[in-house]
N, C-alpha and C. Protein backbone atom coordinates (compact mmCIF):
# COMPACT_ATOMS: atom_id res chain seq x y z
N MET A 1 -15.31 10.16 6.77
CA MET A 1 -13.64 10.31 6.36
C MET A 1 -13.03 9.34 5.41
N ALA A 2 -12.64 9.61 4.55
CA ALA A 2 -11.62 8.80 3.50
C ALA A 2 -10.40 8.21 4.20
N HIS A 3 -10.08 7.43 4.11
CA HIS A 3 -8.99 6.77 4.71
C HIS A 3 -7.78 6.39 3.76
N GLU A 4 -6.85 6.84 3.88
CA GLU A 4 -5.58 6.19 2.88
C GLU A 4 -5.06 4.91 3.34
N ARG A 5 -5.54 3.77 2.78
CA ARG A 5 -5.40 2.48 3.66
C ARG A 5 -3.80 2.05 3.62
N HIS A 6 -3.14 2.81 2.87
CA HIS A 6 -1.40 2.26 3.12
C HIS A 6 -0.88 3.57 4.06
N PHE A 7 -1.65 4.27 4.54
CA PHE A 7 -0.78 5.30 5.42
C PHE A 7 -1.13 4.72 7.05
N PHE A 8 0.01 4.39 7.52
CA PHE A 8 -0.17 3.99 9.19
C PHE A 8 0.47 4.82 10.23
N VAL A 9 -0.21 5.15 11.12
CA VAL A 9 0.28 5.84 12.11
C VAL A 9 0.64 5.31 13.57
N VAL A 10 1.58 5.32 13.98
CA VAL A 10 1.83 4.91 15.30
C VAL A 10 2.10 6.15 16.10
N THR A 11 1.45 6.21 17.03
CA THR A 11 1.32 7.30 18.09
C THR A 11 1.58 6.96 19.51
N TYR A 12 1.54 7.84 20.67
CA TYR A 12 2.01 7.04 21.78
C TYR A 12 1.95 8.84 22.76
N GLY A 13 2.39 8.25 24.07
CA GLY A 13 2.85 9.27 25.10
C GLY A 13 4.51 9.18 24.92
N PRO A 14 5.21 10.11 25.14
CA PRO A 14 6.40 10.15 25.30
C PRO A 14 7.60 9.24 26.00
N GLY A 15 8.31 8.75 25.43
CA GLY A 15 9.11 7.40 26.15
C GLY A 15 8.19 6.42 26.07
N ALA A 16 7.60 5.93 25.04
CA ALA A 16 6.81 4.66 25.18
C ALA A 16 7.44 3.76 24.33
N GLY A 17 8.61 3.88 23.54
CA GLY A 17 9.16 3.15 22.53
C GLY A 17 8.64 3.18 21.21
N LYS A 18 8.48 3.88 20.92
CA LYS A 18 7.68 4.19 19.56
C LYS A 18 8.64 4.15 18.12
N THR A 19 9.75 5.21 18.59
CA THR A 19 10.57 5.33 17.63
C THR A 19 11.52 4.23 16.95
N SER A 20 11.87 3.26 17.91
CA SER A 20 12.86 2.08 17.51
C SER A 20 12.36 1.21 16.99
N PRO A 21 11.07 0.87 16.85
CA PRO A 21 10.33 -0.04 16.17
C PRO A 21 10.23 0.75 14.49
N ILE A 22 9.52 1.71 14.48
CA ILE A 22 9.68 2.51 13.18
C ILE A 22 11.00 2.54 12.43
N ALA A 23 12.19 2.79 13.23
CA ALA A 23 13.43 2.49 12.47
C ALA A 23 13.47 1.07 12.19
N GLU A 24 13.22 0.04 12.83
CA GLU A 24 13.20 -1.40 12.49
C GLU A 24 12.23 -1.39 11.17
N LEU A 25 11.30 -0.55 11.05
CA LEU A 25 10.56 -1.12 10.14
C LEU A 25 11.08 -0.44 8.60
N ALA A 26 11.54 0.64 9.13
CA ALA A 26 12.41 1.33 7.90
C ALA A 26 13.49 0.42 7.31
N ARG A 27 14.23 -0.19 8.43
CA ARG A 27 15.53 -1.19 8.14
C ARG A 27 14.79 -2.10 6.94
N ARG A 28 13.55 -2.81 7.48
CA ARG A 28 12.86 -3.89 6.89
C ARG A 28 12.36 -3.33 5.31
N GLY A 29 12.63 -2.29 5.09
CA GLY A 29 12.10 -1.66 3.76
C GLY A 29 10.79 -0.79 3.54
N PHE A 30 10.22 -0.54 4.83
CA PHE A 30 8.82 0.41 4.69
C PHE A 30 9.08 1.83 4.53
N HIS A 31 8.52 2.56 4.03
CA HIS A 31 8.74 3.72 4.12
C HIS A 31 8.19 4.54 5.26
N THR A 32 8.98 5.19 5.82
CA THR A 32 8.83 5.89 7.06
C THR A 32 8.57 7.26 7.09
N ILE A 33 7.80 8.06 7.87
CA ILE A 33 8.04 9.64 7.83
C ILE A 33 8.18 9.93 9.35
N PRO A 34 9.35 10.77 9.40
CA PRO A 34 9.75 10.82 10.95
C PRO A 34 8.73 11.84 11.47
N GLU A 35 8.94 11.64 13.12
CA GLU A 35 8.05 12.83 13.91
C GLU A 35 8.45 14.15 13.62
N SER A 36 7.80 15.05 13.29
CA SER A 36 8.13 16.51 13.38
C SER A 36 8.35 17.25 14.30
N GLY A 37 7.78 16.76 15.45
CA GLY A 37 7.97 17.68 16.67
C GLY A 37 9.49 17.55 17.36
N ARG A 38 10.11 16.39 17.37
CA ARG A 38 11.60 16.39 17.49
C ARG A 38 12.24 17.26 16.61
N ALA A 39 12.30 17.12 15.54
CA ALA A 39 12.89 18.08 14.40
C ALA A 39 12.61 19.52 14.69
N ILE A 40 11.52 20.03 15.06
CA ILE A 40 11.27 21.43 15.26
C ILE A 40 11.88 21.59 16.81
N ILE A 41 11.76 20.94 17.50
CA ILE A 41 12.55 21.11 19.00
C ILE A 41 14.00 21.43 18.69
N ARG A 42 14.67 20.32 17.84
CA ARG A 42 16.30 20.68 17.74
C ARG A 42 16.38 22.09 17.17
N GLU A 43 15.38 22.23 15.85
CA GLU A 43 15.92 23.57 15.20
C GLU A 43 15.73 24.80 16.05
N GLU A 44 14.42 24.70 16.85
CA GLU A 44 14.21 25.96 17.51
C GLU A 44 15.38 26.12 18.71
N MET A 45 15.83 24.93 19.32
CA MET A 45 16.87 25.05 20.37
C MET A 45 18.43 25.49 19.84
N GLN A 46 18.57 25.01 18.33
CA GLN A 46 20.18 25.72 17.62
C GLN A 46 19.71 26.89 17.50
N SER A 47 18.52 27.68 17.13
CA SER A 47 18.38 29.00 16.40
C SER A 47 17.76 29.87 17.64
N GLY A 48 17.49 29.39 18.71
CA GLY A 48 17.11 30.06 19.81
C GLY A 48 15.94 30.53 19.80
N GLY A 49 15.27 29.89 19.00
CA GLY A 49 13.54 30.06 18.69
C GLY A 49 12.88 29.35 19.95
N ASP A 50 11.50 30.14 20.12
CA ASP A 50 10.73 29.66 20.94
C ASP A 50 9.48 29.10 20.81
N ALA A 51 9.56 28.65 19.53
CA ALA A 51 8.43 27.45 19.19
C ALA A 51 8.34 26.11 19.82
N LEU A 52 8.66 25.90 20.88
CA LEU A 52 9.17 25.01 21.87
C LEU A 52 7.55 24.55 22.70
N PRO A 53 7.67 23.25 22.89
CA PRO A 53 6.29 22.80 23.64
C PRO A 53 6.53 23.62 25.09
N TRP A 54 7.39 23.61 25.46
CA TRP A 54 7.55 24.46 27.05
C TRP A 54 7.84 25.83 26.91
N ALA A 55 7.80 26.45 25.70
CA ALA A 55 7.66 27.87 25.72
C ALA A 55 6.58 28.54 24.82
N ASP A 56 5.93 28.02 23.57
CA ASP A 56 5.22 28.48 23.27
C ASP A 56 4.62 27.16 21.94
N LEU A 57 3.64 26.59 22.73
CA LEU A 57 3.32 25.40 22.34
C LEU A 57 2.44 25.74 21.12
N ALA A 58 1.33 26.59 21.10
CA ALA A 58 0.88 27.02 19.90
C ALA A 58 1.72 27.35 18.65
N ALA A 59 2.81 28.08 18.90
CA ALA A 59 3.59 28.22 17.87
C ALA A 59 4.30 26.83 17.28
N CYS A 60 4.61 26.03 18.34
CA CYS A 60 5.30 24.79 17.94
C CYS A 60 4.12 24.03 17.02
N ALA A 61 2.86 24.00 17.50
CA ALA A 61 1.92 23.15 16.95
C ALA A 61 1.83 24.00 15.61
N GLU A 62 1.67 24.98 15.36
CA GLU A 62 1.44 25.56 13.84
C GLU A 62 2.81 25.13 12.89
N ARG A 63 3.94 25.04 13.39
CA ARG A 63 4.92 24.48 12.91
C ARG A 63 5.01 22.83 12.49
N MET A 64 4.36 22.37 13.57
CA MET A 64 4.27 20.67 13.27
C MET A 64 3.11 20.49 12.14
N LEU A 65 2.24 21.21 12.26
CA LEU A 65 1.24 21.35 11.17
C LEU A 65 1.61 21.51 10.16
N GLU A 66 2.54 22.41 9.62
CA GLU A 66 2.89 22.89 8.59
C GLU A 66 3.67 21.80 7.73
N ARG A 67 4.83 21.36 8.66
CA ARG A 67 5.64 20.12 8.45
C ARG A 67 4.85 19.05 8.17
N ASP A 68 3.80 18.61 8.86
CA ASP A 68 3.13 17.20 8.81
C ASP A 68 2.42 17.31 7.54
N LEU A 69 1.66 18.17 7.31
CA LEU A 69 0.71 18.45 6.09
C LEU A 69 1.88 18.18 4.71
N ARG A 70 3.05 18.80 4.68
CA ARG A 70 3.71 18.71 3.63
C ARG A 70 4.20 17.13 3.47
N ALA A 71 4.57 16.61 4.46
CA ALA A 71 4.86 15.23 4.78
C ALA A 71 3.88 14.29 4.24
N HIS A 72 2.65 14.40 4.81
CA HIS A 72 1.62 13.95 4.31
C HIS A 72 1.53 13.82 2.61
N ARG A 73 1.61 15.12 2.31
CA ARG A 73 1.28 15.45 0.77
C ARG A 73 2.29 14.58 -0.10
N ALA A 74 3.58 14.73 0.50
CA ALA A 74 4.88 14.07 -0.26
C ALA A 74 4.75 12.59 -0.10
N ALA A 75 3.96 11.95 0.64
CA ALA A 75 3.81 10.47 0.95
C ALA A 75 3.01 9.77 -0.02
N ARG A 76 1.98 10.57 -0.60
CA ARG A 76 1.13 10.07 -1.49
C ARG A 76 1.75 9.56 -2.79
N ALA A 77 3.24 9.92 -2.98
CA ALA A 77 3.85 9.67 -4.27
C ALA A 77 4.57 8.27 -3.93
N LEU A 78 4.25 7.75 -2.76
CA LEU A 78 5.24 6.50 -2.42
C LEU A 78 4.20 5.29 -2.72
N SER A 79 4.59 4.13 -2.80
CA SER A 79 3.97 3.12 -3.06
C SER A 79 4.20 2.22 -1.95
N GLY A 80 3.26 1.27 -1.42
CA GLY A 80 3.36 0.34 -0.56
C GLY A 80 2.97 1.07 0.81
N SER A 81 3.35 0.43 1.96
CA SER A 81 2.63 0.79 3.27
C SER A 81 3.52 2.06 3.90
N VAL A 82 3.18 2.97 4.25
CA VAL A 82 3.90 4.32 4.86
C VAL A 82 3.58 4.19 6.13
N ILE A 83 4.82 4.28 6.89
CA ILE A 83 4.36 4.32 8.62
C ILE A 83 4.76 5.59 8.93
N PHE A 84 3.96 6.54 9.66
CA PHE A 84 4.03 7.79 10.22
C PHE A 84 4.55 7.87 11.58
N ASP A 85 5.43 8.45 12.02
CA ASP A 85 5.93 8.71 13.50
C ASP A 85 5.05 9.74 13.90
N ARG A 86 3.79 9.43 14.29
CA ARG A 86 2.63 10.48 14.71
C ARG A 86 1.92 11.04 13.41
N GLY A 87 0.66 11.41 13.75
CA GLY A 87 -0.10 11.67 12.60
C GLY A 87 -0.47 13.32 12.89
N ILE A 88 -1.17 13.89 11.93
CA ILE A 88 -1.64 15.34 12.05
C ILE A 88 -2.64 15.48 13.20
N PRO A 89 -3.73 14.39 13.44
CA PRO A 89 -4.38 14.20 14.70
C PRO A 89 -3.54 14.43 15.88
N ASP A 90 -2.41 14.34 16.37
CA ASP A 90 -1.62 14.31 17.30
C ASP A 90 -1.40 15.69 17.80
N ILE A 91 -1.38 16.52 16.79
CA ILE A 91 -1.47 18.13 17.17
C ILE A 91 -2.57 18.38 17.91
N LEU A 92 -3.73 17.89 17.40
CA LEU A 92 -5.34 18.28 18.11
C LEU A 92 -5.01 17.57 19.50
N GLY A 93 -4.53 16.58 19.68
CA GLY A 93 -4.39 15.91 20.86
C GLY A 93 -3.72 16.61 21.84
N TYR A 94 -2.33 17.26 21.55
CA TYR A 94 -1.57 17.98 22.27
C TYR A 94 -2.22 19.23 22.90
N LEU A 95 -2.82 20.06 21.94
CA LEU A 95 -3.63 21.24 22.14
C LEU A 95 -4.58 21.05 23.05
N THR A 96 -5.31 20.02 22.84
CA THR A 96 -6.54 19.71 23.94
C THR A 96 -6.03 19.38 25.06
N LEU A 97 -4.85 18.42 25.29
CA LEU A 97 -4.40 18.05 26.59
C LEU A 97 -3.84 19.23 27.19
N CYS A 98 -3.20 20.13 26.57
CA CYS A 98 -2.39 21.38 27.25
C CYS A 98 -3.73 22.34 27.48
N ASN A 99 -4.87 22.28 27.59
CA ASN A 99 -6.14 22.99 27.50
C ASN A 99 -5.99 24.55 26.63
N LEU A 100 -5.34 24.25 25.41
CA LEU A 100 -5.32 25.62 24.75
C LEU A 100 -6.26 25.36 23.48
N PRO A 101 -6.56 26.41 23.14
CA PRO A 101 -7.80 26.42 22.01
C PRO A 101 -7.22 26.11 20.80
N VAL A 102 -8.20 25.24 20.14
CA VAL A 102 -7.68 24.44 18.91
C VAL A 102 -8.07 25.10 17.82
N PRO A 103 -7.11 25.76 16.96
CA PRO A 103 -7.61 26.85 15.75
C PRO A 103 -8.47 25.95 14.94
N PRO A 104 -9.42 26.53 14.64
CA PRO A 104 -10.46 25.93 13.18
C PRO A 104 -9.26 25.04 12.52
N HIS A 105 -8.30 25.61 11.84
CA HIS A 105 -7.64 24.90 10.81
C HIS A 105 -6.87 23.90 11.20
N VAL A 106 -6.61 23.43 12.42
CA VAL A 106 -5.94 22.67 12.90
C VAL A 106 -6.96 21.40 12.93
N ALA A 107 -8.04 21.94 13.63
CA ALA A 107 -9.11 20.72 13.87
C ALA A 107 -9.78 20.08 12.36
N THR A 108 -9.73 21.09 11.28
CA THR A 108 -10.17 20.66 10.19
C THR A 108 -8.93 19.70 9.43
N ALA A 109 -7.96 20.17 9.66
CA ALA A 109 -6.62 19.23 9.27
C ALA A 109 -6.74 17.92 9.81
N ALA A 110 -6.80 17.68 11.05
CA ALA A 110 -6.85 16.64 11.81
C ALA A 110 -8.02 15.80 11.13
N LYS A 111 -9.04 16.25 11.14
CA LYS A 111 -10.39 15.68 10.46
C LYS A 111 -10.12 15.06 9.29
N ALA A 112 -9.19 16.12 8.30
CA ALA A 112 -9.39 15.62 6.88
C ALA A 112 -8.14 14.56 6.72
N ALA A 113 -7.24 14.59 7.57
CA ALA A 113 -5.92 13.96 7.21
C ALA A 113 -6.36 12.39 7.09
N CYS A 114 -5.87 11.71 6.13
CA CYS A 114 -6.29 10.28 5.54
C CYS A 114 -5.09 9.43 5.82
N TYR A 115 -5.38 8.51 6.91
CA TYR A 115 -4.56 7.62 7.46
C TYR A 115 -5.57 6.19 7.49
N ASN A 116 -4.90 5.15 7.50
CA ASN A 116 -5.66 3.80 7.38
C ASN A 116 -6.18 3.80 8.75
N ARG A 117 -7.60 3.57 9.02
CA ARG A 117 -8.39 3.60 10.27
C ARG A 117 -7.95 2.67 11.38
N ARG A 118 -6.73 2.04 11.11
CA ARG A 118 -6.10 1.39 12.38
C ARG A 118 -4.90 1.98 12.74
N VAL A 119 -4.86 2.78 14.03
CA VAL A 119 -3.90 3.37 14.44
C VAL A 119 -3.14 2.67 15.57
N PHE A 120 -1.86 2.44 15.44
CA PHE A 120 -0.77 1.70 16.21
C PHE A 120 -0.57 2.90 17.51
N LEU A 121 -0.86 2.56 18.83
CA LEU A 121 -0.44 3.12 20.13
C LEU A 121 0.54 2.43 20.75
N ALA A 122 1.70 3.17 21.13
CA ALA A 122 2.66 2.57 21.95
C ALA A 122 2.11 3.12 23.28
N PRO A 123 1.71 2.11 24.28
CA PRO A 123 1.15 2.88 25.44
C PRO A 123 2.09 3.13 26.32
N TYR A 124 2.07 3.94 27.46
CA TYR A 124 3.08 4.34 28.39
C TYR A 124 3.80 3.30 28.76
N TRP A 125 5.06 2.98 29.11
CA TRP A 125 5.80 1.94 29.57
C TRP A 125 6.89 2.27 30.59
N ASP A 126 6.87 2.14 31.96
CA ASP A 126 7.43 2.64 32.76
C ASP A 126 9.03 1.93 32.86
N GLU A 127 9.27 1.05 32.28
CA GLU A 127 10.30 0.36 32.41
C GLU A 127 11.12 1.30 31.54
N ILE A 128 10.82 1.53 30.40
CA ILE A 128 11.75 2.20 29.19
C ILE A 128 11.61 3.82 29.33
N PHE A 129 10.69 4.07 29.90
CA PHE A 129 10.66 5.89 30.03
C PHE A 129 11.67 6.47 30.60
N THR A 130 12.28 7.54 29.43
CA THR A 130 13.60 8.17 29.87
C THR A 130 12.86 9.81 29.51
N GLN A 131 13.64 10.85 30.08
CA GLN A 131 13.69 12.22 29.67
C GLN A 131 14.90 12.52 29.12
N ASP A 132 15.09 13.43 28.41
CA ASP A 132 16.16 13.91 27.89
C ASP A 132 15.98 15.56 27.57
N THR A 133 16.94 15.97 26.65
CA THR A 133 16.71 17.38 26.17
C THR A 133 15.49 18.14 25.34
N GLU A 134 15.06 17.08 24.75
CA GLU A 134 13.95 17.29 23.93
C GLU A 134 12.50 16.36 24.62
N ARG A 135 12.83 15.77 25.34
CA ARG A 135 11.45 15.12 25.97
C ARG A 135 11.64 15.62 27.57
N LYS A 136 11.02 16.48 27.82
CA LYS A 136 11.15 16.96 29.17
C LYS A 136 10.02 16.57 30.25
N GLN A 137 9.03 15.84 29.49
CA GLN A 137 7.61 15.44 30.14
C GLN A 137 7.96 14.51 31.44
N SER A 138 7.11 14.58 32.23
CA SER A 138 7.00 13.88 33.64
C SER A 138 6.38 12.25 33.13
N GLN A 139 6.59 11.50 33.84
CA GLN A 139 5.97 10.26 33.83
C GLN A 139 4.30 10.38 33.72
N THR A 140 3.91 11.42 34.49
CA THR A 140 2.39 11.62 34.71
C THR A 140 2.05 12.24 33.26
N GLU A 141 2.88 13.33 33.09
CA GLU A 141 2.46 13.93 31.76
C GLU A 141 2.48 12.84 30.48
N ALA A 142 3.64 12.00 30.47
CA ALA A 142 3.46 11.03 29.60
C ALA A 142 2.22 10.27 29.57
N GLU A 143 1.89 9.85 30.56
CA GLU A 143 0.65 8.72 30.47
C GLU A 143 -0.46 9.61 30.13
N ALA A 144 -0.66 10.98 30.50
CA ALA A 144 -1.88 11.71 30.07
C ALA A 144 -1.76 12.23 28.55
N THR A 145 -0.45 12.12 28.18
CA THR A 145 -0.52 12.35 26.78
C THR A 145 -0.91 11.12 25.76
N CYS A 146 -0.52 9.84 26.24
CA CYS A 146 -0.70 8.66 25.76
C CYS A 146 -2.70 8.46 26.07
N ALA A 147 -3.10 8.89 27.00
CA ALA A 147 -4.40 8.83 26.89
C ALA A 147 -5.00 9.83 26.02
N ALA A 148 -4.35 11.06 25.90
CA ALA A 148 -5.02 12.20 24.95
C ALA A 148 -5.11 11.73 23.66
N MET A 149 -3.94 10.90 23.35
CA MET A 149 -3.75 10.49 21.90
C MET A 149 -4.89 9.25 21.46
N PHE A 150 -4.88 8.50 22.54
CA PHE A 150 -6.13 7.60 22.14
C PHE A 150 -7.32 7.94 22.26
N ASP A 151 -7.87 9.29 23.13
CA ASP A 151 -8.93 9.55 23.08
C ASP A 151 -9.25 10.49 21.59
N THR A 152 -8.39 11.44 21.37
CA THR A 152 -8.20 11.86 20.10
C THR A 152 -8.45 11.20 18.90
N TYR A 153 -7.59 9.87 18.78
CA TYR A 153 -7.77 9.07 17.33
C TYR A 153 -9.22 8.50 17.58
N VAL A 154 -9.97 7.91 18.79
CA VAL A 154 -11.24 7.36 18.77
C VAL A 154 -12.14 8.48 18.38
N ALA A 155 -12.20 9.47 18.85
CA ALA A 155 -13.09 10.67 18.40
C ALA A 155 -13.18 11.01 17.05
N LEU A 156 -12.14 10.91 16.51
CA LEU A 156 -11.78 10.99 15.16
C LEU A 156 -12.36 9.97 14.11
N GLY A 157 -12.61 8.61 14.52
CA GLY A 157 -13.18 7.48 14.01
C GLY A 157 -12.12 6.30 13.63
N TYR A 158 -10.95 6.48 14.33
CA TYR A 158 -9.91 5.51 14.25
C TYR A 158 -10.04 4.46 15.20
N GLU A 159 -9.30 3.14 14.91
CA GLU A 159 -9.50 1.75 15.72
C GLU A 159 -8.17 2.19 16.17
N ILE A 160 -8.00 2.01 17.49
CA ILE A 160 -6.70 1.71 18.19
C ILE A 160 -6.09 0.18 18.46
N ILE A 161 -4.79 0.04 17.86
CA ILE A 161 -4.32 -1.03 17.98
C ILE A 161 -3.00 -0.93 18.90
N GLU A 162 -3.01 -1.46 19.94
CA GLU A 162 -1.94 -1.21 21.22
C GLU A 162 -0.80 -1.90 20.67
N LEU A 163 0.24 -1.38 20.84
CA LEU A 163 1.60 -2.35 20.62
C LEU A 163 1.97 -2.94 21.74
N PRO A 164 2.41 -4.35 21.70
CA PRO A 164 2.79 -5.11 23.05
C PRO A 164 4.19 -4.50 23.63
N ARG A 165 4.09 -4.47 24.72
CA ARG A 165 5.36 -4.08 25.70
C ARG A 165 6.23 -5.18 25.50
N THR A 166 7.27 -5.15 24.62
CA THR A 166 8.22 -6.19 24.28
C THR A 166 9.48 -5.74 23.45
N ASP A 167 10.21 -6.59 23.22
CA ASP A 167 11.47 -6.00 22.49
C ASP A 167 10.96 -5.29 20.95
N ILE A 168 12.12 -4.54 20.62
CA ILE A 168 11.89 -3.83 19.14
C ILE A 168 11.59 -4.65 18.03
N ALA A 169 12.27 -6.00 17.84
CA ALA A 169 11.88 -6.62 16.73
C ALA A 169 10.64 -7.15 16.91
N TRP A 170 10.23 -7.67 17.94
CA TRP A 170 8.79 -8.43 18.03
C TRP A 170 7.71 -7.24 18.02
N ARG A 171 7.90 -5.92 18.40
CA ARG A 171 7.01 -4.81 17.93
C ARG A 171 7.00 -4.77 16.52
N ALA A 172 8.04 -4.46 15.87
CA ALA A 172 7.90 -4.72 14.47
C ALA A 172 7.45 -5.63 13.81
N ASP A 173 7.78 -6.71 14.16
CA ASP A 173 6.84 -8.12 13.56
C ASP A 173 5.17 -8.16 14.07
N PHE A 174 4.94 -7.43 15.17
CA PHE A 174 3.55 -7.17 15.48
C PHE A 174 3.02 -6.37 14.25
N VAL A 175 3.43 -5.25 13.97
CA VAL A 175 3.02 -4.28 13.40
C VAL A 175 3.15 -4.90 11.62
N CYS A 176 3.83 -5.64 11.33
CA CYS A 176 4.03 -6.33 10.11
C CYS A 176 2.62 -7.16 9.81
N GLU A 177 2.68 -8.00 11.01
CA GLU A 177 1.25 -8.97 10.95
C GLU A 177 0.03 -7.82 11.00
N GLN A 178 -0.10 -7.02 11.54
CA GLN A 178 -1.31 -6.10 11.64
C GLN A 178 -1.52 -5.44 10.14
N LEU A 179 -0.24 -5.30 9.33
CA LEU A 179 -0.39 -4.75 8.24
C LEU A 179 -0.89 -5.75 7.00
N ALA A 180 -0.86 -6.94 7.48
CA ALA A 180 -1.15 -8.01 6.51
C ALA A 180 -2.80 -8.27 6.64
N ILE A 181 -3.48 -7.76 7.80
CA ILE A 181 -4.65 -8.23 7.96
C ILE A 181 -5.42 -7.55 7.03
């Protein structure tokens, strides 16, 4: 697998404190690509659609893949490090976690996605885990999601770098240090 050395993924299970450090990295001048899942959930809820993880996960996965492929292509025009809030392999991980069939084009896209071989994982963190209208997973589901993302990325040949369970600024500092390696 070819790797885009300047494309870095931050993945996680829900409620693990991933988005805030990514926002901090954006504040520090890094290019960041937002998570597609939350945007799709918001759009579907507003329009009364059912491409939602709790209604039609397969349709939601297709929408995420379409948006993530478009974002990945657009990011190629950016110079410097690009931080992705989740990567295309996350879609493969979700389908597998939910015991849904993985369409061949999703598996192909997950294998062909080019990111730096080092992937940051925000591990489940009980002290900060919360649910909301877009994040309905239980603690058990959040932990299982984190494990599924770990397994998915490792199976695709990525090295997992676990984010420390600490404050937002320190997590962002940690990512910056790792990008310099």
